[in-house]
């Protein structure tokens, strides 16, 4: 299954907008929305969201490594666009150095 970054973004936004109806968050969810400070997710929520993404895409993804990298960088929040970039990288890995840009 191949996915464009736009298709991934659309699915993630649709999922988060649907979930946010159950939360105390009334703003539209977009690429710049922060998952922890704005939506109020915690790391377990992100794991659950990641599990849902893996089931939807029928593809194992290293969400634990993604969360670990977030924790190591000092900034403890994740924008929707970063989550989309991570998922996109699972389908469309960057070419090796010297390879063609996509």
PDB file of N, CA and C in Angstrom:
ATOM      1  N   UNK A   1       0.849  -1.174   0.000  1.00  0.00           N
ATOM      2  CA  UNK A   1       0.000   0.000   0.000  1.00  0.00           C
ATOM      3  C   UNK A   1       0.897   1.239   0.000  1.00  0.00           C
ATOM      4  N   UNK A   2       0.761   2.069  -0.989  1.00  0.00           N
ATOM      5  CA  UNK A   2       1.508   3.316  -1.026  1.00  0.00           C
ATOM      6  C   UNK A   2       0.580   4.448  -0.626  1.00  0.00           C
ATOM      7  N   UNK A   3       1.156   5.434   0.006  1.00  0.00           N
ATOM      8  CA  UNK A   3       0.395   6.576   0.498  1.00  0.00           C
ATOM      9  C   UNK A   3       1.181   7.841   0.206  1.00  0.00           C
ATOM     10  N   UNK A   4       0.500   8.850  -0.290  1.00  0.00           N
ATOM     11  CA  UNK A   4       1.163  10.139  -0.443  1.00  0.00           C
ATOM     12  C   UNK A   4       1.130  10.855   0.907  1.00  0.00           C
ATOM     13  N   UNK A   5       1.997  11.828   1.072  1.00  0.00           N
ATOM     14  CA  UNK A   5       2.000  12.590   2.317  1.00  0.00           C
ATOM     15  C   UNK A   5       0.643  13.262   2.523  1.00  0.00           C
ATOM     16  N   UNK A   6       0.031  13.740   1.458  1.00  0.00           N
ATOM     17  CA  UNK A   6      -1.278  14.401   1.575  1.00  0.00           C
ATOM     18  C   UNK A   6      -2.355  13.418   2.041  1.00  0.00           C
ATOM     19  N   UNK A   7      -2.320  12.187   1.525  1.00  0.00           N
ATOM     20  CA  UNK A   7      -3.286  11.177   1.962  1.00  0.00           C
ATOM     21  C   UNK A   7      -3.105  10.854   3.445  1.00  0.00           C
ATOM     22  N   UNK A   8      -1.857  10.786   3.879  1.00  0.00           N
ATOM     23  CA  UNK A   8      -1.571  10.520   5.290  1.00  0.00           C
ATOM     24  C   UNK A   8      -2.067  11.684   6.133  1.00  0.00           C
ATOM     25  N   UNK A   9      -1.751  12.907   5.723  1.00  0.00           N
ATOM     26  CA  UNK A   9      -2.202  14.093   6.455  1.00  0.00           C
ATOM     27  C   UNK A   9      -3.722  14.102   6.556  1.00  0.00           C
ATOM     28  N   UNK A  10      -4.401  13.856   5.453  1.00  0.00           N
ATOM     29  CA  UNK A  10      -5.865  13.843   5.452  1.00  0.00           C
ATOM     30  C   UNK A  10      -6.405  12.820   6.443  1.00  0.00           C
ATOM     31  N   UNK A  11      -5.816  11.622   6.463  1.00  0.00           N
ATOM     32  CA  UNK A  11      -6.295  10.576   7.365  1.00  0.00           C
ATOM     33  C   UNK A  11      -6.023  10.940   8.824  1.00  0.00           C
ATOM     34  N   UNK A  12      -4.833  11.431   9.119  1.00  0.00           N
ATOM     35  CA  UNK A  12      -4.493  11.800  10.498  1.00  0.00           C
ATOM     36  C   UNK A  12      -5.411  12.926  10.984  1.00  0.00           C
ATOM     37  N   UNK A  13      -5.609  13.945  10.148  1.00  0.00           N
ATOM     38  CA  UNK A  13      -6.493  15.052  10.541  1.00  0.00           C
ATOM     39  C   UNK A  13      -7.926  14.567  10.736  1.00  0.00           C
ATOM     40  N   UNK A  14      -8.392  13.716   9.851  1.00  0.00           N
ATOM     41  CA  UNK A  14      -9.744  13.165   9.997  1.00  0.00           C
ATOM     42  C   UNK A  14      -9.860  12.401  11.311  1.00  0.00           C
ATOM     43  N   UNK A  15      -8.873  11.582  11.613  1.00  0.00           N
ATOM     44  CA  UNK A  15      -8.883  10.796  12.849  1.00  0.00           C
ATOM     45  C   UNK A  15      -8.869  11.697  14.075  1.00  0.00           C
ATOM     46  N   UNK A  16      -7.974  12.686  14.074  1.00  0.00           N
ATOM     47  CA  UNK A  16      -7.873  13.570  15.235  1.00  0.00           C
ATOM     48  C   UNK A  16      -9.104  14.459  15.389  1.00  0.00           C
ATOM     49  N   UNK A  17      -9.660  14.934  14.285  1.00  0.00           N
ATOM     50  CA  UNK A  17     -10.878  15.740  14.375  1.00  0.00           C
ATOM     51  C   UNK A  17     -12.034  14.911  14.922  1.00  0.00           C
ATOM     52  N   UNK A  18     -12.101  13.656  14.527  1.00  0.00           N
ATOM     53  CA  UNK A  18     -13.141  12.766  15.051  1.00  0.00           C
ATOM     54  C   UNK A  18     -12.932  12.532  16.545  1.00  0.00           C
ATOM     55  N   UNK A  19     -11.696  12.242  16.938  1.00  0.00           N
ATOM     56  CA  UNK A  19     -11.396  12.006  18.352  1.00  0.00           C
ATOM     57  C   UNK A  19     -11.605  13.251  19.197  1.00  0.00           C
ATOM     58  N   UNK A  20     -11.290  14.414  18.647  1.00  0.00           N
ATOM     59  CA  UNK A  20     -11.368  15.648  19.439  1.00  0.00           C
ATOM     60  C   UNK A  20     -12.806  16.004  19.799  1.00  0.00           C
ATOM     61  N   UNK A  21     -13.778  15.408  19.127  1.00  0.00           N
ATOM     62  CA  UNK A  21     -15.184  15.639  19.501  1.00  0.00           C
ATOM     63  C   UNK A  21     -15.455  15.131  20.909  1.00  0.00           C
ATOM     64  N   UNK A  22     -14.687  14.126  21.352  1.00  0.00           N
ATOM     65  CA  UNK A  22     -14.849  13.565  22.688  1.00  0.00           C
ATOM     66  C   UNK A  22     -14.003  14.292  23.730  1.00  0.00           C
ATOM     67  N   UNK A  23     -13.153  15.210  23.285  1.00  0.00           N
ATOM     68  CA  UNK A  23     -12.281  15.943  24.192  1.00  0.00           C
ATOM     69  C   UNK A  23     -12.815  17.346  24.375  1.00  0.00           C
ATOM     70  N   UNK A  24     -12.209  18.066  25.289  1.00  0.00           N
ATOM     71  CA  UNK A  24     -12.570  19.455  25.523  1.00  0.00           C
ATOM     72  C   UNK A  24     -11.692  20.344  24.647  1.00  0.00           C
ATOM     73  N   UNK A  25     -11.819  20.160  23.326  1.00  0.00           N
ATOM     74  CA  UNK A  25     -11.021  20.931  22.367  1.00  0.00           C
ATOM     75  C   UNK A  25     -11.930  21.301  21.217  1.00  0.00           C
ATOM     76  N   UNK A  26     -12.179  22.603  21.050  1.00  0.00           N
ATOM     77  CA  UNK A  26     -13.164  23.039  20.063  1.00  0.00           C
ATOM     78  C   UNK A  26     -12.552  23.666  18.818  1.00  0.00           C
ATOM     79  N   UNK A  27     -11.247  23.841  18.787  1.00  0.00           N
ATOM     80  CA  UNK A  27     -10.584  24.443  17.624  1.00  0.00           C
ATOM     81  C   UNK A  27     -10.403  23.391  16.533  1.00  0.00           C
ATOM     82  N   UNK A  28     -10.324  23.827  15.276  1.00  0.00           N
ATOM     83  CA  UNK A  28     -10.021  22.846  14.225  1.00  0.00           C
ATOM     84  C   UNK A  28      -8.599  22.305  14.395  1.00  0.00           C
ATOM     85  N   UNK A  29      -8.436  21.036  14.126  1.00  0.00           N
ATOM     86  CA  UNK A  29      -7.124  20.403  14.215  1.00  0.00           C
ATOM     87  C   UNK A  29      -6.467  20.532  12.847  1.00  0.00           C
ATOM     88  N   UNK A  30      -5.222  21.040  12.833  1.00  0.00           N
ATOM     89  CA  UNK A  30      -4.493  21.218  11.589  1.00  0.00           C
ATOM     90  C   UNK A  30      -3.064  20.735  11.733  1.00  0.00           C
ATOM     91  N   UNK A  31      -2.249  20.887  10.700  1.00  0.00           N
ATOM     92  CA  UNK A  31      -0.872  20.400  10.731  1.00  0.00           C
ATOM     93  C   UNK A  31      -0.026  20.996  11.862  1.00  0.00           C
ATOM     94  N   UNK A  32      -0.302  22.215  12.279  1.00  0.00           N
ATOM     95  CA  UNK A  32       0.499  22.857  13.325  1.00  0.00           C
ATOM     96  C   UNK A  32      -0.015  22.569  14.739  1.00  0.00           C
ATOM     97  N   UNK A  33      -1.160  21.908  14.859  1.00  0.00           N
ATOM     98  CA  UNK A  33      -1.725  21.605  16.167  1.00  0.00           C
ATOM     99  C   UNK A  33      -0.754  20.715  16.943  1.00  0.00           C
ATOM    100  N   UNK A  34      -0.544  21.059  18.213  1.00  0.00           N
ATOM    101  CA  UNK A  34       0.352  20.289  19.076  1.00  0.00           C
ATOM    102  C   UNK A  34      -0.449  19.221  19.816  1.00  0.00           C
ATOM    103  N   UNK A  35       0.038  17.998  19.742  1.00  0.00           N
ATOM    104  CA  UNK A  35      -0.711  16.871  20.286  1.00  0.00           C
ATOM    105  C   UNK A  35      -0.811  16.892  21.806  1.00  0.00           C
ATOM    106  N   UNK A  36       0.252  17.280  22.491  1.00  0.00           N
ATOM    107  CA  UNK A  36       0.248  17.227  23.949  1.00  0.00           C
ATOM    108  C   UNK A  36      -0.329  18.498  24.566  1.00  0.00           C
ATOM    109  N   UNK A  37       0.231  19.655  24.243  1.00  0.00           N
ATOM    110  CA  UNK A  37      -0.191  20.887  24.925  1.00  0.00           C
ATOM    111  C   UNK A  37      -1.528  21.427  24.436  1.00  0.00           C
ATOM    112  N   UNK A  38      -1.868  21.223  23.171  1.00  0.00           N
ATOM    113  CA  UNK A  38      -3.134  21.742  22.673  1.00  0.00           C
ATOM    114  C   UNK A  38      -4.267  20.713  22.762  1.00  0.00           C
ATOM    115  N   UNK A  39      -4.010  19.511  22.291  1.00  0.00           N
ATOM    116  CA  UNK A  39      -5.057  18.488  22.318  1.00  0.00           C
ATOM    117  C   UNK A  39      -5.156  17.781  23.664  1.00  0.00           C
ATOM    118  N   UNK A  40      -4.108  17.894  24.478  1.00  0.00           N
ATOM    119  CA  UNK A  40      -4.136  17.276  25.794  1.00  0.00           C
ATOM    120  C   UNK A  40      -3.829  15.791  25.800  1.00  0.00           C
ATOM    121  N   UNK A  41      -3.231  15.290  24.730  1.00  0.00           N
ATOM    122  CA  UNK A  41      -2.847  13.887  24.703  1.00  0.00           C
ATOM    123  C   UNK A  41      -1.667  13.662  25.637  1.00  0.00           C
ATOM    124  N   UNK A  42      -1.515  12.436  26.097  1.00  0.00           N
ATOM    125  CA  UNK A  42      -0.300  12.055  26.812  1.00  0.00           C
ATOM    126  C   UNK A  42       0.391  10.979  25.978  1.00  0.00           C
ATOM    127  N   UNK A  43       1.522  10.503  26.444  1.00  0.00           N
ATOM    128  CA  UNK A  43       2.282   9.558  25.629  1.00  0.00           C
ATOM    129  C   UNK A  43       1.497   8.272  25.383  1.00  0.00           C
ATOM    130  N   UNK A  44       0.690   7.845  26.347  1.00  0.00           N
ATOM    131  CA  UNK A  44      -0.113   6.643  26.147  1.00  0.00           C
ATOM    132  C   UNK A  44      -1.154   6.874  25.050  1.00  0.00           C
ATOM    133  N   UNK A  45      -1.756   8.067  25.015  1.00  0.00           N
ATOM    134  CA  UNK A  45      -2.709   8.392  23.945  1.00  0.00           C
ATOM    135  C   UNK A  45      -2.037   8.311  22.579  1.00  0.00           C
ATOM    136  N   UNK A  46      -0.789   8.781  22.510  1.00  0.00           N
ATOM    137  CA  UNK A  46      -0.071   8.740  21.237  1.00  0.00           C
ATOM    138  C   UNK A  46       0.228   7.299  20.825  1.00  0.00           C
ATOM    139  N   UNK A  47       0.504   6.445  21.812  1.00  0.00           N
ATOM    140  CA  UNK A  47       0.725   5.026  21.515  1.00  0.00           C
ATOM    141  C   UNK A  47      -0.566   4.421  20.971  1.00  0.00           C
ATOM    142  N   UNK A  48      -1.698   4.749  21.602  1.00  0.00           N
ATOM    143  CA  UNK A  48      -2.992   4.237  21.133  1.00  0.00           C
ATOM    144  C   UNK A  48      -3.283   4.753  19.720  1.00  0.00           C
ATOM    145  N   UNK A  49      -3.013   6.041  19.496  1.00  0.00           N
ATOM    146  CA  UNK A  49      -3.193   6.621  18.164  1.00  0.00           C
ATOM    147  C   UNK A  49      -2.289   5.910  17.158  1.00  0.00           C
ATOM    148  N   UNK A  50      -1.040   5.671  17.553  1.00  0.00           N
ATOM    149  CA  UNK A  50      -0.104   4.971  16.683  1.00  0.00           C
ATOM    150  C   UNK A  50      -0.566   3.569  16.350  1.00  0.00           C
ATOM    151  N   UNK A  51      -1.123   2.882  17.335  1.00  0.00           N
ATOM    152  CA  UNK A  51      -1.650   1.538  17.104  1.00  0.00           C
ATOM    153  C   UNK A  51      -2.787   1.582  16.087  1.00  0.00           C
ATOM    154  N   UNK A  52      -3.636   2.582  16.218  1.00  0.00           N
ATOM    155  CA  UNK A  52      -4.724   2.742  15.254  1.00  0.00           C
ATOM    156  C   UNK A  52      -4.204   3.011  13.856  1.00  0.00           C
ATOM    157  N   UNK A  53      -3.136   3.819  13.770  1.00  0.00           N
ATOM    158  CA  UNK A  53      -2.541   4.114  12.460  1.00  0.00           C
ATOM    159  C   UNK A  53      -1.957   2.838  11.848  1.00  0.00           C
ATOM    160  N   UNK A  54      -1.294   2.035  12.686  1.00  0.00           N
ATOM    161  CA  UNK A  54      -0.718   0.783  12.180  1.00  0.00           C
ATOM    162  C   UNK A  54      -1.813  -0.160  11.686  1.00  0.00           C
ATOM    163  N   UNK A  55      -2.910  -0.213  12.401  1.00  0.00           N
ATOM    164  CA  UNK A  55      -4.013  -1.072  11.972  1.00  0.00           C
ATOM    165  C   UNK A  55      -4.609  -0.549  10.666  1.00  0.00           C
ATOM    166  N   UNK A  56      -4.803   0.757  10.578  1.00  0.00           N
ATOM    167  CA  UNK A  56      -5.373   1.341   9.365  1.00  0.00           C
ATOM    168  C   UNK A  56      -4.482   1.068   8.153  1.00  0.00           C
ATOM    169  N   UNK A  57      -3.181   1.307   8.321  1.00  0.00           N
ATOM    170  CA  UNK A  57      -2.249   1.150   7.200  1.00  0.00           C
ATOM    171  C   UNK A  57      -1.732  -0.277   7.055  1.00  0.00           C
ATOM    172  N   UNK A  58      -2.090  -1.157   7.998  1.00  0.00           N
ATOM    173  CA  UNK A  58      -1.634  -2.542   7.994  1.00  0.00           C
ATOM    174  C   UNK A  58      -0.126  -2.611   7.816  1.00  0.00           C
ATOM    175  N   UNK A  59       0.555  -1.821   8.665  1.00  0.00           N
ATOM    176  CA  UNK A  59       2.010  -1.727   8.584  1.00  0.00           C
ATOM    177  C   UNK A  59       2.560  -1.442   9.977  1.00  0.00           C
ATOM    178  N   UNK A  60       3.532  -2.244  10.398  1.00  0.00           N
ATOM    179  CA  UNK A  60       4.215  -1.993  11.667  1.00  0.00           C
ATOM    180  C   UNK A  60       5.094  -0.756  11.516  1.00  0.00           C
ATOM    181  N   UNK A  61       5.057   0.122  12.508  1.00  0.00           N
ATOM    182  CA  UNK A  61       5.870   1.335  12.483  1.00  0.00           C
ATOM    183  C   UNK A  61       6.560   1.493  13.833  1.00  0.00           C
ATOM    184  N   UNK A  62       7.778   1.991  13.852  1.00  0.00           N
ATOM    185  CA  UNK A  62       8.540   2.109  15.109  1.00  0.00           C
ATOM    186  C   UNK A  62       8.119   3.335  15.941  1.00  0.00           C
ATOM    187  N   UNK A  63       6.874   3.321  16.450  1.00  0.00           N
ATOM    188  CA  UNK A  63       6.391   4.450  17.244  1.00  0.00           C
ATOM    189  C   UNK A  63       7.197   4.636  18.522  1.00  0.00           C
ATOM    190  N   UNK A  64       7.702   3.550  19.113  1.00  0.00           N
ATOM    191  CA  UNK A  64       8.512   3.676  20.327  1.00  0.00           C
ATOM    192  C   UNK A  64       9.766   4.504  20.043  1.00  0.00           C
ATOM    193  N   UNK A  65      10.391   4.275  18.891  1.00  0.00           N
ATOM    194  CA  UNK A  65      11.574   5.061  18.506  1.00  0.00           C
ATOM    195  C   UNK A  65      11.192   6.520  18.266  1.00  0.00           C
ATOM    196  N   UNK A  66      10.040   6.741  17.647  1.00  0.00           N
ATOM    197  CA  UNK A  66       9.556   8.094  17.399  1.00  0.00           C
ATOM    198  C   UNK A  66       9.356   8.827  18.728  1.00  0.00           C
ATOM    199  N   UNK A  67       8.681   8.183  19.686  1.00  0.00           N
ATOM    200  CA  UNK A  67       8.458   8.799  20.992  1.00  0.00           C
ATOM    201  C   UNK A  67       9.760   9.031  21.739  1.00  0.00           C
ATOM    202  N   UNK A  68      10.682   8.092  21.625  1.00  0.00           N
ATOM    203  CA  UNK A  68      11.984   8.243  22.263  1.00  0.00           C
ATOM    204  C   UNK A  68      12.724   9.453  21.705  1.00  0.00           C
ATOM    205  N   UNK A  69      12.689   9.620  20.393  1.00  0.00           N
ATOM    206  CA  UNK A  69      13.339  10.768  19.756  1.00  0.00           C
ATOM    207  C   UNK A  69      12.703  12.079  20.207  1.00  0.00           C
ATOM    208  N   UNK A  70      11.391  12.083  20.365  1.00  0.00           N
ATOM    209  CA  UNK A  70      10.695  13.280  20.861  1.00  0.00           C
ATOM    210  C   UNK A  70      11.185  13.603  22.264  1.00  0.00           C
ATOM    211  N   UNK A  71      11.279  12.591  23.112  1.00  0.00           N
ATOM    212  CA  UNK A  71      11.738  12.798  24.486  1.00  0.00           C
ATOM    213  C   UNK A  71      13.168  13.282  24.576  1.00  0.00           C
ATOM    214  N   UNK A  72      14.015  12.847  23.663  1.00  0.00           N
ATOM    215  CA  UNK A  72      15.428  13.210  23.695  1.00  0.00           C
ATOM    216  C   UNK A  72      15.704  14.633  23.225  1.00  0.00           C
ATOM    217  N   UNK A  73      14.821  15.192  22.452  1.00  0.00           N
ATOM    218  CA  UNK A  73      15.119  16.506  21.875  1.00  0.00           C
ATOM    219  C   UNK A  73      14.841  17.665  22.813  1.00  0.00           C
ATOM    220  N   UNK A  74      14.257  17.387  23.987  1.00  0.00           N
ATOM    221  CA  UNK A  74      14.029  18.455  24.950  1.00  0.00           C
ATOM    222  C   UNK A  74      12.678  19.119  24.774  1.00  0.00           C
ATOM    223  N   UNK A  75      12.234  19.310  23.567  1.00  0.00           N
ATOM    224  CA  UNK A  75      10.904  19.856  23.316  1.00  0.00           C
ATOM    225  C   UNK A  75       9.938  18.695  23.421  1.00  0.00           C
ATOM    226  N   UNK A  76       9.043  18.732  24.369  1.00  0.00           N
ATOM    227  CA  UNK A  76       8.231  17.569  24.698  1.00  0.00           C
ATOM    228  C   UNK A  76       6.865  17.566  24.015  1.00  0.00           C
ATOM    229  N   UNK A  77       6.747  18.217  22.885  1.00  0.00           N
ATOM    230  CA  UNK A  77       5.471  18.238  22.187  1.00  0.00           C
ATOM    231  C   UNK A  77       5.670  17.807  20.746  1.00  0.00           C
ATOM    232  N   UNK A  78       4.604  17.396  20.117  1.00  0.00           N
ATOM    233  CA  UNK A  78       4.649  16.903  18.746  1.00  0.00           C
ATOM    234  C   UNK A  78       3.540  17.578  17.955  1.00  0.00           C
ATOM    235  N   UNK A  79       3.903  18.197  16.854  1.00  0.00           N
ATOM    236  CA  UNK A  79       2.903  18.768  15.957  1.00  0.00           C
ATOM    237  C   UNK A  79       2.333  17.662  15.084  1.00  0.00           C
ATOM    238  N   UNK A  80       1.100  17.835  14.660  1.00  0.00           N
ATOM    239  CA  UNK A  80       0.474  16.872  13.757  1.00  0.00           C
ATOM    240  C   UNK A  80       1.368  16.636  12.543  1.00  0.00           C
ATOM    241  N   UNK A  81       1.968  17.696  12.026  1.00  0.00           N
ATOM    242  CA  UNK A  81       2.820  17.549  10.835  1.00  0.00           C
ATOM    243  C   UNK A  81       4.014  16.638  11.095  1.00  0.00           C
ATOM    244  N   UNK A  82       4.545  16.627  12.336  1.00  0.00           N
ATOM    245  CA  UNK A  82       5.663  15.734  12.666  1.00  0.00           C
ATOM    246  C   UNK A  82       5.213  14.278  12.662  1.00  0.00           C
ATOM    247  N   UNK A  83       4.019  14.038  13.185  1.00  0.00           N
ATOM    248  CA  UNK A  83       3.473  12.683  13.161  1.00  0.00           C
ATOM    249  C   UNK A  83       3.269  12.230  11.719  1.00  0.00           C
ATOM    250  N   UNK A  84       2.758  13.122  10.894  1.00  0.00           N
ATOM    251  CA  UNK A  84       2.551  12.814   9.481  1.00  0.00           C
ATOM    252  C   UNK A  84       3.895  12.541   8.804  1.00  0.00           C
ATOM    253  N   UNK A  85       4.918  13.357   9.103  1.00  0.00           N
ATOM    254  CA  UNK A  85       6.256  13.135   8.530  1.00  0.00           C
ATOM    255  C   UNK A  85       6.783  11.755   8.902  1.00  0.00           C
ATOM    256  N   UNK A  86       6.580  11.373  10.167  1.00  0.00           N
ATOM    257  CA  UNK A  86       7.035  10.062  10.633  1.00  0.00           C
ATOM    258  C   UNK A  86       6.343   8.939   9.860  1.00  0.00           C
ATOM    259  N   UNK A  87       5.019   9.020   9.733  1.00  0.00           N
ATOM    260  CA  UNK A  87       4.278   7.982   9.012  1.00  0.00           C
ATOM    261  C   UNK A  87       4.681   7.972   7.545  1.00  0.00           C
ATOM    262  N   UNK A  88       4.806   9.152   6.964  1.00  0.00           N
ATOM    263  CA  UNK A  88       5.216   9.253   5.558  1.00  0.00           C
ATOM    264  C   UNK A  88       6.577   8.594   5.345  1.00  0.00           C
ATOM    265  N   UNK A  89       7.494   8.772   6.278  1.00  0.00           N
ATOM    266  CA  UNK A  89       8.833   8.189   6.146  1.00  0.00           C
ATOM    267  C   UNK A  89       8.777   6.658   6.154  1.00  0.00           C
ATOM    268  N   UNK A  90       7.728   6.081   6.751  1.00  0.00           N
ATOM    269  CA  UNK A  90       7.599   4.629   6.758  1.00  0.00           C
ATOM    270  C   UNK A  90       7.216   4.101   5.370  1.00  0.00           C
ATOM    271  N   UNK A  91       6.527   4.925   4.602  1.00  0.00           N
ATOM    272  CA  UNK A  91       6.115   4.538   3.250  1.00  0.00           C
ATOM    273  C   UNK A  91       7.088   5.036   2.190  1.00  0.00           C
ATOM    274  N   UNK A  92       7.707   6.162   2.454  1.00  0.00           N
ATOM    275  CA  UNK A  92       8.552   6.827   1.461  1.00  0.00           C
ATOM    276  C   UNK A  92       9.882   7.216   2.088  1.00  0.00           C
ATOM    277  N   UNK A  93      10.747   6.237   2.366  1.00  0.00           N
ATOM    278  CA  UNK A  93      12.030   6.563   2.990  1.00  0.00           C
ATOM    279  C   UNK A  93      12.845   7.513   2.115  1.00  0.00           C
ATOM    280  N   UNK A  94      13.607   8.371   2.789  1.00  0.00           N
ATOM    281  CA  UNK A  94      14.467   9.302   2.064  1.00  0.00           C
ATOM    282  C   UNK A  94      15.488   8.530   1.251  1.00  0.00           C
ATOM    283  N   UNK A  95      15.801   8.981   0.048  1.00  0.00           N
ATOM    284  CA  UNK A  95      16.827   8.291  -0.739  1.00  0.00           C
ATOM    285  C   UNK A  95      18.198   8.426  -0.058  1.00  0.00           C
ATOM    286  N   UNK A  96      19.058   7.488  -0.317  1.00  0.00           N
ATOM    287  CA  UNK A  96      20.409   7.516   0.239  1.00  0.00           C
ATOM    288  C   UNK A  96      21.148   8.723  -0.323  1.00  0.00           C
ATOM    289  N   UNK A  97      22.178   9.143   0.374  1.00  0.00           N
ATOM    290  CA  UNK A  97      22.983  10.291  -0.085  1.00  0.00           C
ATOM    291  C   UNK A  97      23.432  10.041  -1.505  1.00  0.00           C
ATOM    292  N   UNK A  98      23.285  11.061  -2.324  1.00  0.00           N
ATOM    293  CA  UNK A  98      23.661  10.916  -3.722  1.00  0.00           C
ATOM    294  C   UNK A  98      22.521  10.425  -4.591  1.00  0.00           C
ATOM    295  N   UNK A  99      21.416  10.008  -3.928  1.00  0.00           N
ATOM    296  CA  UNK A  99      20.257   9.547  -4.688  1.00  0.00           C
ATOM    297  C   UNK A  99      19.431  10.716  -5.155  1.00  0.00           C
ATOM    298  N   UNK A 100      18.416  10.435  -5.901  1.00  0.00           N
ATOM    299  CA  UNK A 100      17.578  11.518  -6.400  1.00  0.00           C
ATOM    300  C   UNK A 100      16.597  11.957  -5.337  1.00  0.00           C
ATOM    301  N   UNK A 101      16.312  13.237  -5.324  1.00  0.00           N
ATOM    302  CA  UNK A 101      15.334  13.770  -4.370  1.00  0.00           C
ATOM    303  C   UNK A 101      13.947  13.444  -4.874  1.00  0.00           C
ATOM    304  N   UNK A 102      13.009  13.285  -3.924  1.00  0.00           N
ATOM    305  CA  UNK A 102      11.645  13.006  -4.372  1.00  0.00           C
ATOM    306  C   UNK A 102      10.849  14.243  -4.509  1.00  0.00           C
TER     307      UNK A 102
END
